[in-house]
Amino acid sequence: MSITIDDVRKVARLAQLELNESEQAQTLTHLGNIFALIDQMSAVDTSGVTPLKHPISMVMDIHQRLRSDVATETNQRAANMANAPQADLDLFLVPKVIE
């Protein structure tokens, strides 16, 4: 994928970054290197390779620690509604914002 200086400017504007000319050129170089690495990694044939559950499982025998699948939350409606500036029938009342 080819990236241009205009693409860098657009991304900087979207990210609300102010980049001078040298920073734009440096960012263009860095992004170009990243996309080149992605292209290189995409070219590798991974057919027949099983996905890892965890990267460390490649070097040591680990087991995924999972919590029990049980509900731990309780009904906190009254406590949550206590913070409401205005409420009616256990619903938050908010000002109308759309005419």
Protein backbone atom coordinates (compact mmCIF):
# COMPACT_ATOMS: atom_id res chain seq x y z
CA MET A 1 0.00 0.00 0.00
CA SER A 2 1.35 3.38 -0.96
CA ILE A 3 0.83 6.35 1.34
CA THR A 4 1.27 9.98 0.34
CA ILE A 5 2.03 13.16 2.24
CA ASP A 6 -1.61 14.15 1.74
CA ASP A 7 -2.65 10.98 3.58
CA VAL A 8 -0.34 11.92 6.45
CA ARG A 9 -1.86 15.41 6.60
CA LYS A 10 -5.38 13.96 6.62
CA VAL A 11 -4.58 11.51 9.42
CA ALA A 12 -2.86 14.27 11.40
CA ARG A 13 -5.91 16.51 10.99
CA LEU A 14 -8.25 13.69 12.08
CA ALA A 15 -6.03 13.01 15.11
CA GLN A 16 -5.90 16.76 15.79
CA LEU A 17 -2.10 16.82 15.51
CA GLU A 18 -0.09 19.75 14.25
CA LEU A 19 2.88 18.44 12.27
CA ASN A 20 5.45 20.66 10.59
CA GLU A 21 6.96 19.70 7.24
CA SER A 22 9.84 17.67 8.70
CA GLU A 23 7.49 15.80 11.08
CA GLN A 24 5.16 15.03 8.17
CA ALA A 25 8.05 13.63 6.15
CA GLN A 26 9.25 11.58 9.13
CA THR A 27 5.73 10.26 9.73
CA LEU A 28 5.44 9.35 6.04
CA THR A 29 8.67 7.34 6.33
CA HIS A 30 7.53 5.57 9.50
CA LEU A 31 4.10 4.72 8.08
CA GLY A 32 5.72 3.49 4.86
CA ASN A 33 7.95 1.18 6.92
CA ILE A 34 4.95 -0.12 8.85
CA PHE A 35 2.99 -0.85 5.67
CA ALA A 36 6.04 -2.55 4.13
CA LEU A 37 6.28 -4.81 7.19
CA ILE A 38 2.56 -5.60 6.94
CA ASP A 39 2.98 -6.51 3.27
CA GLN A 40 5.96 -8.70 4.14
CA MET A 41 4.01 -10.48 6.90
CA SER A 42 0.98 -10.94 4.62
CA ALA A 43 3.18 -12.69 2.05
CA VAL A 44 4.06 -15.49 4.48
CA ASP A 45 2.20 -18.75 3.84
CA THR A 46 0.43 -19.68 7.08
CA SER A 47 -1.74 -22.47 5.74
CA GLY A 48 -1.56 -25.48 8.01
CA VAL A 49 -0.43 -23.47 11.02
CA THR A 50 -2.79 -23.78 13.96
CA PRO A 51 -3.52 -20.52 15.78
CA LEU A 52 -2.11 -20.10 19.26
CA LYS A 53 -4.43 -19.59 22.19
CA HIS A 54 -1.71 -17.54 23.84
CA PRO A 55 1.73 -16.52 22.51
CA ILE A 56 3.51 -17.97 25.53
CA SER A 57 1.96 -21.39 24.85
CA MET A 58 4.55 -21.75 22.11
CA VAL A 59 7.38 -21.96 24.65
CA MET A 60 5.71 -23.25 27.81
CA ASP A 61 2.68 -25.29 28.79
CA ILE A 62 0.05 -22.90 30.12
CA HIS A 63 -3.65 -23.16 30.73
CA GLN A 64 -6.13 -20.34 30.35
CA ARG A 65 -7.50 -19.26 33.69
CA LEU A 66 -11.22 -18.70 33.30
CA ARG A 67 -13.66 -17.58 35.92
CA SER A 68 -16.82 -19.54 36.61
CA ASP A 69 -19.71 -18.61 34.36
CA VAL A 70 -22.05 -17.40 37.09
CA ALA A 71 -23.86 -14.10 37.58
CA THR A 72 -22.06 -11.97 40.17
CA GLU A 73 -23.97 -8.72 39.78
CA THR A 74 -27.04 -7.91 41.80
CA ASN A 75 -29.88 -5.51 41.12
CA GLN A 76 -28.44 -2.06 41.91
CA ARG A 77 -31.33 -0.03 40.45
CA ALA A 78 -32.16 1.81 43.70
CA ALA A 79 -28.52 2.76 44.28
CA ASN A 80 -28.12 3.93 40.67
CA MET A 81 -31.35 5.93 40.75
CA ALA A 82 -30.24 7.68 43.95
CA ASN A 83 -27.78 9.69 41.82
CA ALA A 84 -30.42 10.85 39.33
CA PRO A 85 -31.23 14.58 39.53
CA GLN A 86 -34.75 13.78 38.29
CA ALA A 87 -36.44 10.40 38.07
CA ASP A 88 -39.90 9.02 37.40
CA LEU A 89 -40.97 5.36 37.51
CA ASP A 90 -37.33 4.30 38.00
CA LEU A 91 -36.27 6.09 34.80
CA PHE A 92 -33.86 8.99 34.44
CA LEU A 93 -35.56 12.19 33.29
CA VAL A 94 -33.44 14.27 30.94
CA PRO A 95 -34.12 17.54 29.12
CA LYS A 96 -35.41 17.36 25.55
CA VAL A 97 -32.54 17.92 23.11
CA ILE A 98 -34.26 17.31 19.75
CA GLU A 99 -37.13 19.48 18.60
